[in-house]
Amino acid sequence: MTNRRNIQLSTIRDWAILLLFFTAIHCYGQEKENRAIPQIGDVKNKQSMEARKTIHDFTVKDIDGNDFNLASLKGKKVLIVNVASKCGFTPQYEQLEELYEKYQHLNFVIIGFPANNFMRQEPGSNLEIKEFCTLNYGVTFPMMEKISVKGKDQAPLYQWLTKKSENGVIDQKVTWNFQKFMVDEEGRLIDVAMPKESPMSRKILDWITGS
């Protein structure tokens, strides 16, 4: 009787060990499978990060028609301005050049983008624009080729600057010539100064100097 009971207990124990063994294998396999399947939250986060480009992801053309990779501006604060030669705000060229000369040693740069989107106030060719800026205002900060800053033919960089879905910060269309987008050292949009606001405004100066 005792032997039979011992055999029964041994059999139960053996089955229990086998059950635990197969359960462990199944759980280990399931764990590997779970690790191999991206979680929904992870996918969304990855997509969100990919959607958040910076200006360093863009290459534009300078006013001489050469590629200008904005990644070359990493580590610098960048003021991006759409400019025009026949606008009431055109004298801001002088202040922009003054600002650039005074603070470029602080890893600060201005990028000018001529645009003819407002009342045809930038009708000239790239060569004519370059001559105008140099002769009349002594511009030395980088000037890019003429582009469109709004509408169906809006340049990709300005799509990024004006749409929160792309820059992650703000929806802000370009309202007129000499609107100023402020971009930090990592290429992220920080703020916008509207066309009538002076390039030498306290808002811009404090941003440049970190005051």
C-alpha atoms as a PDB file:
ATOM      1  CA  MET A   1       0.000   0.000   0.000  1.00  0.00           C
ATOM      2  CA  THR A   2       2.830   2.301   0.943  1.00  0.00           C
ATOM      3  CA  ASN A   3       4.735   1.445  -2.230  1.00  0.00           C
ATOM      4  CA  ARG A   4       1.670   2.147  -4.374  1.00  0.00           C
ATOM      5  CA  ARG A   5       1.237   5.515  -2.646  1.00  0.00           C
ATOM      6  CA  ASN A   6       4.909   6.339  -3.181  1.00  0.00           C
ATOM      7  CA  ILE A   7       4.621   5.458  -6.867  1.00  0.00           C
ATOM      8  CA  GLN A   8       1.535   7.657  -7.194  1.00  0.00           C
ATOM      9  CA  LEU A   9       3.292  10.566  -5.476  1.00  0.00           C
ATOM     10  CA  SER A  10       6.353  10.072  -7.672  1.00  0.00           C
ATOM     11  CA  THR A  11       4.191  10.064 -10.796  1.00  0.00           C
ATOM     12  CA  ILE A  12       2.384  13.239  -9.718  1.00  0.00           C
ATOM     13  CA  ARG A  13       5.706  14.909  -8.944  1.00  0.00           C
ATOM     14  CA  ASP A  14       7.110  13.930 -12.324  1.00  0.00           C
ATOM     15  CA  TRP A  15       4.058  15.309 -14.121  1.00  0.00           C
ATOM     16  CA  ALA A  16       4.303  18.517 -12.087  1.00  0.00           C
ATOM     17  CA  ILE A  17       7.960  18.945 -13.054  1.00  0.00           C
ATOM     18  CA  LEU A  18       7.129  18.370 -16.737  1.00  0.00           C
ATOM     19  CA  LEU A  19       4.260  20.867 -16.524  1.00  0.00           C
ATOM     20  CA  LEU A  20       6.515  23.511 -14.961  1.00  0.00           C
ATOM     21  CA  PHE A  21       9.167  22.835 -17.617  1.00  0.00           C
ATOM     22  CA  PHE A  22       6.782  23.312 -20.564  1.00  0.00           C
ATOM     23  CA  THR A  23       5.174  26.342 -18.897  1.00  0.00           C
ATOM     24  CA  ALA A  24       8.604  27.964 -18.523  1.00  0.00           C
ATOM     25  CA  ILE A  25       9.433  27.313 -22.191  1.00  0.00           C
ATOM     26  CA  HIS A  26       6.099  28.775 -23.298  1.00  0.00           C
ATOM     27  CA  CYS A  27       6.529  31.873 -21.133  1.00  0.00           C
ATOM     28  CA  TYR A  28      10.084  32.434 -22.367  1.00  0.00           C
ATOM     29  CA  GLY A  29       8.947  32.152 -25.981  1.00  0.00           C
ATOM     30  CA  GLN A  30       6.053  34.534 -25.357  1.00  0.00           C
ATOM     31  CA  GLU A  31       8.383  37.020 -23.702  1.00  0.00           C
ATOM     32  CA  LYS A  32      10.693  36.984 -26.751  1.00  0.00           C
ATOM     33  CA  GLU A  33       7.699  37.432 -29.034  1.00  0.00           C
ATOM     34  CA  ASN A  34       6.434  40.358 -26.984  1.00  0.00           C
ATOM     35  CA  ARG A  35       9.829  41.996 -27.065  1.00  0.00           C
ATOM     36  CA  ALA A  36       9.937  41.616 -30.839  1.00  0.00           C
ATOM     37  CA  ILE A  37       6.593  43.398 -31.363  1.00  0.00           C
ATOM     38  CA  PRO A  38       6.858  47.231 -31.200  1.00  0.00           C
ATOM     39  CA  GLN A  39       4.409  48.723 -28.742  1.00  0.00           C
ATOM     40  CA  ILE A  40       1.892  51.217 -30.091  1.00  0.00           C
ATOM     41  CA  GLY A  41       3.248  53.953 -27.852  1.00  0.00           C
ATOM     42  CA  ASP A  42       6.801  53.325 -29.057  1.00  0.00           C
ATOM     43  CA  VAL A  43       5.727  53.558 -32.685  1.00  0.00           C
ATOM     44  CA  LYS A  44       3.871  56.809 -32.051  1.00  0.00           C
ATOM     45  CA  ASN A  45       6.848  58.288 -30.215  1.00  0.00           C
ATOM     46  CA  LYS A  46       9.192  57.297 -33.012  1.00  0.00           C
ATOM     47  CA  GLN A  47       6.884  58.765 -35.632  1.00  0.00           C
ATOM     48  CA  SER A  48       6.588  61.941 -33.560  1.00  0.00           C
ATOM     49  CA  MET A  49      10.352  62.287 -33.322  1.00  0.00           C
ATOM     50  CA  GLU A  50      10.769  61.691 -37.042  1.00  0.00           C
ATOM     51  CA  ALA A  51       8.134  64.332 -37.796  1.00  0.00           C
ATOM     52  CA  ARG A  52      10.005  66.922 -35.764  1.00  0.00           C
ATOM     53  CA  LYS A  53      12.566  68.067 -38.263  1.00  0.00           C
ATOM     54  CA  THR A  54      14.884  70.983 -37.565  1.00  0.00           C
ATOM     55  CA  ILE A  55      16.261  73.553 -39.995  1.00  0.00           C
ATOM     56  CA  HIS A  56      19.390  71.408 -40.089  1.00  0.00           C
ATOM     57  CA  ASP A  57      17.457  68.895 -42.196  1.00  0.00           C
ATOM     58  CA  PHE A  58      17.108  71.392 -45.059  1.00  0.00           C
ATOM     59  CA  THR A  59      19.365  72.390 -47.928  1.00  0.00           C
ATOM     60  CA  VAL A  60      18.554  75.595 -49.800  1.00  0.00           C
ATOM     61  CA  LYS A  61      20.201  77.596 -52.587  1.00  0.00           C
ATOM     62  CA  ASP A  62      22.202  80.724 -51.849  1.00  0.00           C
ATOM     63  CA  ILE A  63      21.800  83.854 -53.936  1.00  0.00           C
ATOM     64  CA  ASP A  64      24.577  82.669 -56.271  1.00  0.00           C
ATOM     65  CA  GLY A  65      22.773  79.383 -56.944  1.00  0.00           C
ATOM     66  CA  ASN A  66      24.996  77.181 -54.774  1.00  0.00           C
ATOM     67  CA  ASP A  67      23.701  74.584 -52.318  1.00  0.00           C
ATOM     68  CA  PHE A  68      23.617  75.880 -48.764  1.00  0.00           C
ATOM     69  CA  ASN A  69      23.239  73.093 -46.224  1.00  0.00           C
ATOM     70  CA  LEU A  70      21.597  74.524 -43.127  1.00  0.00           C
ATOM     71  CA  ALA A  71      23.249  71.767 -41.089  1.00  0.00           C
ATOM     72  CA  SER A  72      26.370  73.936 -41.395  1.00  0.00           C
ATOM     73  CA  LEU A  73      24.685  76.289 -38.904  1.00  0.00           C
ATOM     74  CA  LYS A  74      24.579  73.775 -36.045  1.00  0.00           C
ATOM     75  CA  GLY A  75      25.597  75.478 -32.831  1.00  0.00           C
ATOM     76  CA  LYS A  76      24.417  78.913 -34.003  1.00  0.00           C
ATOM     77  CA  LYS A  77      21.316  80.955 -33.316  1.00  0.00           C
ATOM     78  CA  VAL A  78      19.697  81.809 -36.637  1.00  0.00           C
ATOM     79  CA  LEU A  79      17.383  84.692 -37.531  1.00  0.00           C
ATOM     80  CA  ILE A  80      15.518  83.817 -40.744  1.00  0.00           C
ATOM     81  CA  VAL A  81      14.027  86.826 -42.528  1.00  0.00           C
ATOM     82  CA  ASN A  82      12.028  87.131 -45.754  1.00  0.00           C
ATOM     83  CA  VAL A  83      13.243  90.319 -47.382  1.00  0.00           C
ATOM     84  CA  ALA A  84      12.210  92.637 -50.220  1.00  0.00           C
ATOM     85  CA  SER A  85      13.799  95.588 -51.992  1.00  0.00           C
ATOM     86  CA  LYS A  86      10.732  97.797 -52.516  1.00  0.00           C
ATOM     87  CA  CYS A  87       8.955  97.553 -49.176  1.00  0.00           C
ATOM     88  CA  GLY A  88       8.309 100.118 -46.478  1.00  0.00           C
ATOM     89  CA  PHE A  89      10.331  97.866 -44.179  1.00  0.00           C
ATOM     90  CA  THR A  90      13.299  97.630 -46.573  1.00  0.00           C
ATOM     91  CA  PRO A  91      15.393 100.003 -44.386  1.00  0.00           C
ATOM     92  CA  GLN A  92      15.449  97.147 -41.858  1.00  0.00           C
ATOM     93  CA  TYR A  93      18.309  95.791 -43.977  1.00  0.00           C
ATOM     94  CA  GLU A  94      20.507  98.379 -42.251  1.00  0.00           C
ATOM     95  CA  GLN A  95      19.484  97.209 -38.776  1.00  0.00           C
ATOM     96  CA  LEU A  96      19.843  93.565 -39.743  1.00  0.00           C
ATOM     97  CA  GLU A  97      23.404  94.180 -40.933  1.00  0.00           C
ATOM     98  CA  GLU A  98      24.192  96.124 -37.751  1.00  0.00           C
ATOM     99  CA  LEU A  99      22.787  93.262 -35.686  1.00  0.00           C
ATOM    100  CA  TYR A 100      24.840  90.704 -37.592  1.00  0.00           C
ATOM    101  CA  GLU A 101      28.102  92.667 -37.315  1.00  0.00           C
ATOM    102  CA  LYS A 102      27.603  93.240 -33.596  1.00  0.00           C
ATOM    103  CA  TYR A 103      26.651  89.724 -32.516  1.00  0.00           C
ATOM    104  CA  GLN A 104      28.033  87.236 -35.018  1.00  0.00           C
ATOM    105  CA  HIS A 105      30.871  86.519 -32.565  1.00  0.00           C
ATOM    106  CA  LEU A 106      28.195  85.017 -30.267  1.00  0.00           C
ATOM    107  CA  ASN A 107      27.502  82.251 -32.801  1.00  0.00           C
ATOM    108  CA  PHE A 108      24.656  84.225 -34.300  1.00  0.00           C
ATOM    109  CA  VAL A 109      23.781  84.476 -37.987  1.00  0.00           C
ATOM    110  CA  ILE A 110      21.067  86.041 -40.140  1.00  0.00           C
ATOM    111  CA  ILE A 111      19.742  84.340 -43.252  1.00  0.00           C
ATOM    112  CA  GLY A 112      17.875  86.486 -45.769  1.00  0.00           C
ATOM    113  CA  PHE A 113      15.312  84.974 -48.146  1.00  0.00           C
ATOM    114  CA  PRO A 114      14.093  87.387 -50.857  1.00  0.00           C
ATOM    115  CA  ALA A 115      10.426  86.824 -51.682  1.00  0.00           C
ATOM    116  CA  ASN A 116       7.991  88.466 -54.070  1.00  0.00           C
ATOM    117  CA  ASN A 117       4.808  87.351 -52.286  1.00  0.00           C
ATOM    118  CA  PHE A 118       3.614  90.749 -51.068  1.00  0.00           C
ATOM    119  CA  MET A 119       2.522  93.434 -53.549  1.00  0.00           C
ATOM    120  CA  ARG A 120       5.324  92.369 -55.930  1.00  0.00           C
ATOM    121  CA  GLN A 121       7.835  94.204 -53.750  1.00  0.00           C
ATOM    122  CA  GLU A 122      10.752  91.961 -54.754  1.00  0.00           C
ATOM    123  CA  PRO A 123      10.590  91.877 -58.570  1.00  0.00           C
ATOM    124  CA  GLY A 124      14.330  91.632 -59.247  1.00  0.00           C
ATOM    125  CA  SER A 125      16.522  88.697 -60.198  1.00  0.00           C
ATOM    126  CA  ASN A 126      18.891  87.132 -57.692  1.00  0.00           C
ATOM    127  CA  LEU A 127      21.769  89.140 -59.182  1.00  0.00           C
ATOM    128  CA  GLU A 128      19.812  92.393 -58.978  1.00  0.00           C
ATOM    129  CA  ILE A 129      18.823  91.671 -55.378  1.00  0.00           C
ATOM    130  CA  LYS A 130      22.423  90.914 -54.427  1.00  0.00           C
ATOM    131  CA  GLU A 131      23.653  94.163 -55.986  1.00  0.00           C
ATOM    132  CA  PHE A 132      20.876  96.154 -54.295  1.00  0.00           C
ATOM    133  CA  CYS A 133      21.663  94.763 -50.832  1.00  0.00           C
ATOM    134  CA  THR A 134      25.392  95.208 -51.201  1.00  0.00           C
ATOM    135  CA  LEU A 135      25.404  98.692 -52.719  1.00  0.00           C
ATOM    136  CA  ASN A 136      22.642 100.224 -50.601  1.00  0.00           C
ATOM    137  CA  TYR A 137      23.050  98.507 -47.238  1.00  0.00           C
ATOM    138  CA  GLY A 138      26.427  96.780 -47.288  1.00  0.00           C
ATOM    139  CA  VAL A 139      24.837  93.431 -46.472  1.00  0.00           C
ATOM    140  CA  THR A 140      27.367  90.762 -45.508  1.00  0.00           C
ATOM    141  CA  PHE A 141      25.084  88.203 -43.849  1.00  0.00           C
ATOM    142  CA  PRO A 142      24.178  85.174 -46.021  1.00  0.00           C
ATOM    143  CA  MET A 143      21.523  85.822 -48.637  1.00  0.00           C
ATOM    144  CA  MET A 144      19.631  82.987 -50.305  1.00  0.00           C
ATOM    145  CA  GLU A 145      17.939  82.806 -53.715  1.00  0.00           C
ATOM    146  CA  LYS A 146      14.457  84.242 -54.168  1.00  0.00           C
ATOM    147  CA  ILE A 147      11.722  81.861 -53.027  1.00  0.00           C
ATOM    148  CA  SER A 148       8.024  81.812 -52.182  1.00  0.00           C
ATOM    149  CA  VAL A 149       7.207  82.029 -48.480  1.00  0.00           C
ATOM    150  CA  LYS A 150       3.490  81.305 -48.744  1.00  0.00           C
ATOM    151  CA  GLY A 151       0.887  79.801 -51.056  1.00  0.00           C
ATOM    152  CA  LYS A 152       0.889  76.662 -53.178  1.00  0.00           C
ATOM    153  CA  ASP A 153       4.548  77.067 -54.144  1.00  0.00           C
ATOM    154  CA  GLN A 154       5.738  77.768 -50.598  1.00  0.00           C
ATOM    155  CA  ALA A 155       9.326  76.631 -50.096  1.00  0.00           C
ATOM    156  CA  PRO A 156       9.754  73.508 -47.902  1.00  0.00           C
ATOM    157  CA  LEU A 157      11.718  75.426 -45.259  1.00  0.00           C
ATOM    158  CA  TYR A 158       8.887  77.919 -44.898  1.00  0.00           C
ATOM    159  CA  GLN A 159       6.355  75.123 -44.661  1.00  0.00           C
ATOM    160  CA  TRP A 160       8.340  73.948 -41.657  1.00  0.00           C
ATOM    161  CA  LEU A 161       8.620  77.444 -40.186  1.00  0.00           C
ATOM    162  CA  THR A 162       4.909  78.231 -40.480  1.00  0.00           C
ATOM    163  CA  LYS A 163       3.201  74.931 -39.562  1.00  0.00           C
ATOM    164  CA  LYS A 164       3.047  73.550 -36.026  1.00  0.00           C
ATOM    165  CA  SER A 165       2.507  70.067 -37.464  1.00  0.00           C
ATOM    166  CA  GLU A 166       6.064  70.310 -38.795  1.00  0.00           C
ATOM    167  CA  ASN A 167       7.959  72.515 -36.339  1.00  0.00           C
ATOM    168  CA  GLY A 168       6.128  71.347 -33.210  1.00  0.00           C
ATOM    169  CA  VAL A 169       5.866  74.887 -31.806  1.00  0.00           C
ATOM    170  CA  ILE A 170       3.459  77.226 -33.555  1.00  0.00           C
ATOM    171  CA  ASP A 171       1.263  77.892 -36.576  1.00  0.00           C
ATOM    172  CA  GLN A 172       2.365  81.299 -37.822  1.00  0.00           C
ATOM    173  CA  LYS A 173       1.908  82.306 -41.430  1.00  0.00           C
ATOM    174  CA  VAL A 174       4.133  84.953 -42.984  1.00  0.00           C
ATOM    175  CA  THR A 175       2.114  88.163 -42.907  1.00  0.00           C
ATOM    176  CA  TRP A 176       4.462  90.508 -44.783  1.00  0.00           C
ATOM    177  CA  ASN A 177       8.065  91.163 -45.728  1.00  0.00           C
ATOM    178  CA  PHE A 178      10.715  91.150 -42.978  1.00  0.00           C
ATOM    179  CA  GLN A 179       9.061  88.648 -40.665  1.00  0.00           C
ATOM    180  CA  LYS A 180      11.719  87.173 -38.398  1.00  0.00           C
ATOM    181  CA  PHE A 181      11.839  83.545 -37.278  1.00  0.00           C
ATOM    182  CA  MET A 182      14.143  82.819 -34.346  1.00  0.00           C
ATOM    183  CA  VAL A 183      15.844  79.417 -34.374  1.00  0.00           C
ATOM    184  CA  ASP A 184      18.107  78.035 -31.648  1.00  0.00           C
ATOM    185  CA  GLU A 185      21.490  76.317 -31.826  1.00  0.00           C
ATOM    186  CA  GLU A 186      19.868  72.905 -32.285  1.00  0.00           C
ATOM    187  CA  GLY A 187      17.781  74.078 -35.223  1.00  0.00           C
ATOM    188  CA  ARG A 188      14.486  74.335 -33.341  1.00  0.00           C
ATOM    189  CA  LEU A 189      12.015  77.166 -33.828  1.00  0.00           C
ATOM    190  CA  ILE A 190      11.891  79.332 -30.709  1.00  0.00           C
ATOM    191  CA  ASP A 191       9.838  82.428 -31.505  1.00  0.00           C
ATOM    192  CA  VAL A 192       8.710  84.855 -34.199  1.00  0.00           C
ATOM    193  CA  ALA A 193       9.108  88.631 -34.464  1.00  0.00           C
ATOM    194  CA  MET A 194       6.582  90.230 -36.766  1.00  0.00           C
ATOM    195  CA  PRO A 195       7.516  92.425 -39.765  1.00  0.00           C
ATOM    196  CA  LYS A 196       7.100  95.811 -38.094  1.00  0.00           C
ATOM    197  CA  GLU A 197       9.203  94.772 -35.101  1.00  0.00           C
ATOM    198  CA  SER A 198      12.715  96.177 -35.291  1.00  0.00           C
ATOM    199  CA  PRO A 199      15.601  93.722 -35.680  1.00  0.00           C
ATOM    200  CA  MET A 200      17.127  95.577 -32.738  1.00  0.00           C
ATOM    201  CA  SER A 201      14.101  95.034 -30.505  1.00  0.00           C
ATOM    202  CA  ARG A 202      14.608  93.968 -26.894  1.00  0.00           C
ATOM    203  CA  LYS A 203      12.953  90.638 -27.663  1.00  0.00           C
ATOM    204  CA  ILE A 204      15.529  89.759 -30.304  1.00  0.00           C
ATOM    205  CA  LEU A 205      18.515  91.204 -28.420  1.00  0.00           C
ATOM    206  CA  ASP A 206      17.647  89.281 -25.244  1.00  0.00           C
ATOM    207  CA  TRP A 207      17.313  86.083 -27.262  1.00  0.00           C
ATOM    208  CA  ILE A 208      20.701  86.547 -28.908  1.00  0.00           C
ATOM    209  CA  THR A 209      22.549  87.421 -25.720  1.00  0.00           C
ATOM    210  CA  GLY A 210      20.642  85.060 -23.449  1.00  0.00           C
ATOM    211  CA  SER A 211      19.605  87.909 -21.169  1.00  0.00           C
END
